[in-house]
N, C-alpha and C. Protein backbone atom coordinates (compact mmCIF):
# COMPACT_ATOMS: atom_id res chain seq x y z
N MET A 1 -17.40 298.74 -1.65
CA MET A 1 -18.97 298.83 -2.22
C MET A 1 -19.42 299.98 -3.12
N ASN A 2 -20.28 299.58 -3.98
CA ASN A 2 -20.78 301.03 -5.04
C ASN A 2 -22.22 301.99 -4.54
N PRO A 3 -21.80 302.47 -3.61
CA PRO A 3 -22.27 303.81 -3.55
C PRO A 3 -24.19 303.30 -3.60
N HIS A 4 -24.68 303.39 -5.01
CA HIS A 4 -25.66 302.32 -5.16
C HIS A 4 -26.36 301.82 -4.78
N TRP A 5 -25.81 300.51 -4.60
CA TRP A 5 -26.01 299.02 -3.62
C TRP A 5 -26.21 299.59 -2.06
N ALA A 6 -25.33 300.34 -1.77
CA ALA A 6 -25.21 301.25 -0.27
C ALA A 6 -26.55 301.47 0.02
N ARG A 7 -26.90 302.27 -1.19
CA ARG A 7 -28.41 303.58 -0.86
C ARG A 7 -29.24 302.64 -0.67
N ILE A 8 -29.59 301.61 -1.92
CA ILE A 8 -30.21 300.60 -1.42
C ILE A 8 -30.74 299.71 -0.47
N ILE A 9 -29.36 299.44 -0.30
CA ILE A 9 -29.92 298.48 1.10
C ILE A 9 -30.01 299.10 1.86
N HIS A 10 -29.20 300.05 2.46
CA HIS A 10 -30.14 301.49 3.74
C HIS A 10 -31.25 301.37 3.57
N GLN A 11 -31.87 302.01 2.07
CA GLN A 11 -33.75 301.49 2.25
C GLN A 11 -34.25 300.36 2.47
N THR A 12 -33.95 299.13 2.11
CA THR A 12 -34.01 298.61 2.41
C THR A 12 -34.87 297.52 3.44
N VAL A 13 -33.46 298.01 4.12
CA VAL A 13 -32.85 297.47 5.47
C VAL A 13 -33.90 298.92 6.84
N LYS A 14 -33.58 299.99 6.24
CA LYS A 14 -35.01 301.08 7.34
C LYS A 14 -36.48 300.82 6.68
N LYS A 15 -37.17 300.09 6.17
CA LYS A 15 -38.51 300.53 5.80
C LYS A 15 -38.69 298.75 7.03
N ALA A 16 -37.95 298.42 6.71
CA ALA A 16 -37.93 296.62 7.29
C ALA A 16 -37.41 297.03 9.64
N ALA A 17 -36.72 298.00 9.97
CA ALA A 17 -36.15 298.45 10.81
C ALA A 17 -37.67 298.71 11.44
N LYS A 18 -37.95 298.51 13.43
CA LYS A 18 -39.62 299.07 13.58
C LYS A 18 -38.52 299.02 15.40
N LYS A 19 -38.60 300.07 15.89
CA LYS A 19 -39.07 299.99 16.80
C LYS A 19 -40.20 299.66 18.11
N CYS A 20 -39.63 299.64 19.10
CA CYS A 20 -40.56 298.54 20.48
C CYS A 20 -40.97 300.02 20.65
N THR A 21 -42.37 299.96 21.04
CA THR A 21 -42.57 301.10 22.14
C THR A 21 -42.50 300.93 23.11
N HIS A 22 -41.50 299.83 23.73
CA HIS A 22 -42.04 299.44 25.08
C HIS A 22 -39.97 299.61 25.48
N CYS A 23 -39.61 299.12 25.02
CA CYS A 23 -37.95 299.77 25.64
C CYS A 23 -37.16 300.81 24.54
N GLY A 24 -37.93 300.66 23.38
CA GLY A 24 -37.25 302.01 22.41
C GLY A 24 -36.40 301.26 21.65
N LYS A 25 -35.70 300.91 21.63
CA LYS A 25 -34.95 299.08 20.77
C LYS A 25 -35.13 299.40 19.55
N THR A 26 -34.03 299.89 19.04
CA THR A 26 -34.81 299.15 17.10
C THR A 26 -34.06 297.38 15.99
N GLY A 27 -34.80 296.96 15.92
CA GLY A 27 -34.98 295.81 15.08
C GLY A 27 -35.09 295.73 13.68
N THR A 28 -34.88 294.58 12.93
CA THR A 28 -35.47 294.10 12.37
C THR A 28 -36.78 292.54 12.22
N TYR A 29 -37.24 292.99 11.76
CA TYR A 29 -38.65 291.96 11.97
C TYR A 29 -39.14 291.83 10.61
N ALA A 30 -40.10 290.99 10.18
CA ALA A 30 -40.42 290.20 8.87
C ALA A 30 -42.14 291.28 8.79
N GLN A 31 -42.21 291.47 7.55
CA GLN A 31 -42.74 292.19 7.43
C GLN A 31 -44.67 291.61 8.02
N LYS A 32 -45.04 291.82 8.79
CA LYS A 32 -46.75 291.32 9.11
C LYS A 32 -47.83 292.16 7.48
N GLN A 33 -48.28 290.90 8.04
CA GLN A 33 -49.71 291.86 7.97
C GLN A 33 -51.35 292.55 8.54
N LYS A 34 -51.51 293.93 7.87
CA LYS A 34 -52.58 294.34 8.86
C LYS A 34 -53.37 294.04 9.72
N GLY A 35 -52.59 294.14 11.23
CA GLY A 35 -53.68 293.65 12.29
C GLY A 35 -52.60 293.16 13.14
N GLU A 36 -51.59 292.66 12.53
CA GLU A 36 -50.68 291.26 13.14
C GLU A 36 -50.21 292.69 13.88
N PHE A 37 -49.41 291.56 15.62
CA PHE A 37 -48.43 292.31 15.84
C PHE A 37 -46.75 291.74 16.01
N TYR A 38 -45.50 293.09 15.55
CA TYR A 38 -44.60 292.37 16.02
C TYR A 38 -44.48 291.68 17.49
N ILE A 39 -43.46 291.02 17.90
CA ILE A 39 -42.82 290.63 18.67
C ILE A 39 -41.27 291.59 19.09
N CYS A 40 -40.88 291.97 19.55
CA CYS A 40 -40.09 292.56 20.53
C CYS A 40 -38.35 291.55 20.63
N LYS A 41 -37.06 291.63 19.79
CA LYS A 41 -36.74 290.19 20.54
C LYS A 41 -35.90 290.77 20.97
N HIS A 42 -35.68 292.25 22.03
CA HIS A 42 -35.12 292.83 22.78
C HIS A 42 -35.49 292.11 24.00
N CYS A 43 -37.12 292.40 24.18
CA CYS A 43 -37.97 292.67 25.31
C CYS A 43 -39.16 291.92 25.71
N GLY A 44 -39.20 290.90 24.51
CA GLY A 44 -40.72 290.05 24.02
C GLY A 44 -41.99 290.79 24.15
N HIS A 45 -41.26 292.17 24.27
CA HIS A 45 -43.18 293.32 23.89
C HIS A 45 -43.10 292.98 23.17
N ARG A 46 -45.25 293.08 22.30
CA ARG A 46 -45.88 292.46 21.66
C ARG A 46 -46.19 293.64 21.12
N PHE A 47 -46.05 294.39 19.61
CA PHE A 47 -46.25 296.24 19.50
C PHE A 47 -46.48 296.06 17.63
N LYS A 48 -47.53 296.83 17.85
CA LYS A 48 -47.66 297.41 16.64
C LYS A 48 -47.41 297.99 16.38
N GLU A 49 -46.79 298.67 14.70
CA GLU A 49 -46.11 299.70 14.51
C GLU A 49 -47.06 301.04 14.16
N LYS A 50 -47.22 302.23 14.72
CA LYS A 50 -47.30 303.38 14.93
C LYS A 50 -47.86 303.43 13.45
N GLY A 51 -49.59 303.88 13.69
CA GLY A 51 -50.08 303.99 11.95
C GLY A 51 -50.70 303.03 11.28
N GLU A 52 -50.72 301.32 11.91
CA GLU A 52 -51.50 300.56 11.63
C GLU A 52 -52.85 300.28 12.15
């Protein structure tokens, strides 16, 4: 794979990856609107991204 494309893909996935505040595991989630919760794919805990 072209290193340029690999960098772009890595940056995109890094932005979409969120870390659960309950279990600490990282998963990829769809972008949410401000004030909406993410639901952890591992433990089912509802959480907001820190800083929102």
